[in-house]
Amino acid sequence: MAIELASKGYVVIAIGYRLADVAKYPAGVEDIERGIQWLQKNHQKYSLDKKENRGFGRICRSSDCDFSRC
């Protein structure tokens, strides 16, 4: 999906996170929060429109996540 979106002109960023067998909850959630904070801090460096951020995905076979204006 990332390649398809990128081919249509979207910026695609994957945020890595630790799985439960490596670190206990809420470590994975905190990793994602740090990734979003990094994007907020560095959006100008990469010419990203902070007002147009969207996120979606599937996290380790759990339910879909959907958030806007990260």
N, C-alpha and C. Protein backbone atom coordinates (compact mmCIF):
# COMPACT_ATOMS: atom_id res chain seq x y z
N MET A 1 0.82 -1.19 0.00
CA MET A 1 0.00 0.00 0.00
C MET A 1 0.86 1.26 0.00
N ALA A 2 1.98 1.24 0.71
CA ALA A 2 2.84 2.42 0.80
C ALA A 2 3.37 2.82 -0.58
N ILE A 3 3.78 1.84 -1.37
CA ILE A 3 4.31 2.15 -2.70
C ILE A 3 3.21 2.73 -3.59
N GLU A 4 2.03 2.18 -3.50
CA GLU A 4 0.91 2.70 -4.30
C GLU A 4 0.60 4.15 -3.92
N LEU A 5 0.53 4.44 -2.63
CA LEU A 5 0.26 5.81 -2.19
C LEU A 5 1.37 6.77 -2.61
N ALA A 6 2.61 6.34 -2.45
CA ALA A 6 3.74 7.18 -2.84
C ALA A 6 3.72 7.45 -4.34
N SER A 7 3.33 6.47 -5.14
CA SER A 7 3.27 6.67 -6.59
C SER A 7 2.20 7.69 -6.99
N LYS A 8 1.26 7.95 -6.09
CA LYS A 8 0.21 8.94 -6.34
C LYS A 8 0.55 10.30 -5.73
N GLY A 9 1.78 10.43 -5.21
CA GLY A 9 2.24 11.72 -4.70
C GLY A 9 2.11 11.93 -3.20
N TYR A 10 1.67 10.91 -2.49
CA TYR A 10 1.56 11.02 -1.04
C TYR A 10 2.91 10.73 -0.39
N VAL A 11 3.16 11.36 0.74
CA VAL A 11 4.33 11.04 1.53
C VAL A 11 3.94 9.89 2.46
N VAL A 12 4.73 8.83 2.47
CA VAL A 12 4.43 7.67 3.29
C VAL A 12 5.53 7.49 4.31
N ILE A 13 5.14 7.42 5.56
CA ILE A 13 6.10 7.26 6.66
C ILE A 13 5.62 6.10 7.53
N ALA A 14 6.49 5.14 7.74
CA ALA A 14 6.17 4.01 8.61
C ALA A 14 6.85 4.21 9.95
N ILE A 15 6.09 4.14 11.00
CA ILE A 15 6.63 4.29 12.35
C ILE A 15 6.79 2.89 12.95
N GLY A 16 8.02 2.55 13.28
CA GLY A 16 8.29 1.25 13.90
C GLY A 16 7.96 1.27 15.38
N TYR A 17 7.69 0.12 15.91
CA TYR A 17 7.37 0.02 17.33
C TYR A 17 7.77 -1.37 17.84
N ARG A 18 7.99 -1.45 19.15
CA ARG A 18 8.37 -2.73 19.76
C ARG A 18 7.13 -3.59 19.99
N LEU A 19 7.27 -4.87 19.72
CA LEU A 19 6.19 -5.81 19.94
C LEU A 19 6.17 -6.28 21.39
N ALA A 20 5.07 -6.88 21.78
CA ALA A 20 4.87 -7.30 23.17
C ALA A 20 5.89 -8.33 23.64
N ASP A 21 6.45 -9.13 22.72
CA ASP A 21 7.43 -10.12 23.17
C ASP A 21 8.80 -9.50 23.43
N VAL A 22 8.97 -8.23 23.04
CA VAL A 22 10.24 -7.52 23.26
C VAL A 22 10.12 -6.53 24.42
N ALA A 23 8.99 -5.88 24.51
CA ALA A 23 8.77 -4.87 25.56
C ALA A 23 7.31 -4.91 25.98
N LYS A 24 7.08 -4.74 27.27
CA LYS A 24 5.72 -4.81 27.80
C LYS A 24 4.91 -3.56 27.43
N TYR A 25 3.60 -3.79 27.32
CA TYR A 25 2.67 -2.69 27.11
C TYR A 25 2.86 -1.66 28.22
N PRO A 26 2.88 -0.39 27.92
CA PRO A 26 2.50 0.31 26.69
C PRO A 26 3.69 0.75 25.83
N ALA A 27 4.79 0.01 25.87
CA ALA A 27 6.00 0.43 25.15
C ALA A 27 5.74 0.67 23.66
N GLY A 28 4.99 -0.22 23.00
CA GLY A 28 4.70 -0.05 21.59
C GLY A 28 3.90 1.21 21.29
N VAL A 29 2.94 1.51 22.15
CA VAL A 29 2.14 2.72 22.01
C VAL A 29 3.03 3.95 22.20
N GLU A 30 3.91 3.89 23.18
CA GLU A 30 4.83 5.01 23.41
C GLU A 30 5.76 5.22 22.22
N ASP A 31 6.19 4.13 21.58
CA ASP A 31 7.03 4.25 20.39
C ASP A 31 6.29 4.99 19.28
N ILE A 32 5.03 4.67 19.08
CA ILE A 32 4.23 5.33 18.06
C ILE A 32 4.03 6.80 18.41
N GLU A 33 3.75 7.07 19.68
CA GLU A 33 3.61 8.47 20.12
C GLU A 33 4.88 9.26 19.86
N ARG A 34 6.03 8.68 20.14
CA ARG A 34 7.31 9.36 19.88
C ARG A 34 7.51 9.60 18.39
N GLY A 35 7.11 8.65 17.57
CA GLY A 35 7.21 8.81 16.13
C GLY A 35 6.36 9.97 15.63
N ILE A 36 5.14 10.08 16.15
CA ILE A 36 4.25 11.18 15.77
C ILE A 36 4.82 12.50 16.25
N GLN A 37 5.36 12.53 17.48
CA GLN A 37 5.98 13.75 17.99
C GLN A 37 7.17 14.17 17.13
N TRP A 38 7.96 13.19 16.67
CA TRP A 38 9.10 13.49 15.80
C TRP A 38 8.62 14.12 14.50
N LEU A 39 7.54 13.56 13.93
CA LEU A 39 6.99 14.12 12.70
C LEU A 39 6.51 15.55 12.91
N GLN A 40 5.85 15.80 14.03
CA GLN A 40 5.38 17.16 14.32
C GLN A 40 6.54 18.14 14.43
N LYS A 41 7.62 17.69 15.04
CA LYS A 41 8.79 18.54 15.24
C LYS A 41 9.56 18.78 13.94
N ASN A 42 9.59 17.80 13.06
CA ASN A 42 10.43 17.85 11.86
C ASN A 42 9.66 18.05 10.56
N HIS A 43 8.39 18.39 10.62
CA HIS A 43 7.60 18.48 9.40
C HIS A 43 8.15 19.51 8.41
N GLN A 44 8.67 20.62 8.89
CA GLN A 44 9.20 21.64 7.98
C GLN A 44 10.44 21.16 7.25
N LYS A 45 11.29 20.42 7.92
CA LYS A 45 12.52 19.91 7.33
C LYS A 45 12.22 19.06 6.09
N TYR A 46 11.09 18.36 6.10
CA TYR A 46 10.72 17.47 5.01
C TYR A 46 9.57 18.03 4.16
N SER A 47 9.26 19.31 4.34
CA SER A 47 8.21 20.00 3.58
C SER A 47 6.86 19.29 3.69
N LEU A 48 6.52 18.86 4.90
CA LEU A 48 5.24 18.21 5.14
C LEU A 48 4.24 19.24 5.66
N ASP A 49 3.02 19.16 5.21
CA ASP A 49 1.97 20.06 5.68
C ASP A 49 1.40 19.50 6.98
N LYS A 50 1.73 20.14 8.07
CA LYS A 50 1.31 19.65 9.39
C LYS A 50 -0.20 19.58 9.53
N LYS A 51 -0.92 20.43 8.81
CA LYS A 51 -2.39 20.46 8.90
C LYS A 51 -3.04 19.34 8.10
N GLU A 52 -2.28 18.67 7.26
CA GLU A 52 -2.86 17.65 6.40
C GLU A 52 -2.36 16.24 6.71
N ASN A 53 -1.86 16.02 7.90
CA ASN A 53 -1.40 14.68 8.30
C ASN A 53 -2.58 13.75 8.47
N ARG A 54 -2.43 12.55 7.98
CA ARG A 54 -3.42 11.50 8.18
C ARG A 54 -2.67 10.22 8.50
N GLY A 55 -3.27 9.41 9.28
CA GLY A 55 -2.63 8.14 9.59
C GLY A 55 -3.63 7.02 9.53
N PHE A 56 -3.15 5.90 9.09
CA PHE A 56 -3.98 4.72 9.11
C PHE A 56 -3.08 3.51 9.01
N GLY A 57 -3.61 2.38 9.36
CA GLY A 57 -2.80 1.19 9.25
C GLY A 57 -3.36 0.05 10.06
N ARG A 58 -2.63 -1.01 10.02
CA ARG A 58 -2.98 -2.20 10.78
C ARG A 58 -1.79 -2.49 11.67
N ILE A 59 -2.03 -2.60 12.93
CA ILE A 59 -0.95 -2.80 13.89
C ILE A 59 -0.95 -4.26 14.33
N CYS A 60 0.00 -4.99 13.84
CA CYS A 60 0.24 -6.37 14.26
C CYS A 60 -1.04 -7.20 14.33
N ARG A 61 -1.79 -7.18 13.25
CA ARG A 61 -3.01 -7.96 13.11
C ARG A 61 -4.13 -7.57 14.07
N SER A 62 -4.00 -6.42 14.71
CA SER A 62 -5.10 -5.96 15.57
C SER A 62 -6.04 -5.12 14.71
N SER A 63 -6.98 -4.50 15.35
CA SER A 63 -7.95 -3.70 14.59
C SER A 63 -7.27 -2.50 13.94
N ASP A 64 -7.90 -1.99 12.90
CA ASP A 64 -7.35 -0.83 12.20
C ASP A 64 -7.32 0.37 13.13
N CYS A 65 -6.31 1.19 12.92
CA CYS A 65 -6.27 2.45 13.65
C CYS A 65 -6.57 3.56 12.66
N ASP A 66 -7.18 4.59 13.10
CA ASP A 66 -7.47 5.72 12.23
C ASP A 66 -7.40 6.98 13.08
N PHE A 67 -6.57 7.90 12.68
CA PHE A 67 -6.48 9.15 13.40
C PHE A 67 -6.17 10.25 12.40
N SER A 68 -6.60 11.44 12.73
CA SER A 68 -6.33 12.56 11.82
C SER A 68 -5.78 13.71 12.64
N ARG A 69 -5.10 14.60 11.92
CA ARG A 69 -4.47 15.77 12.54
C ARG A 69 -3.55 15.36 13.69
N CYS A 70 -2.67 14.44 13.39
CA CYS A 70 -1.72 13.90 14.38
C CYS A 70 -0.86 15.00 14.96
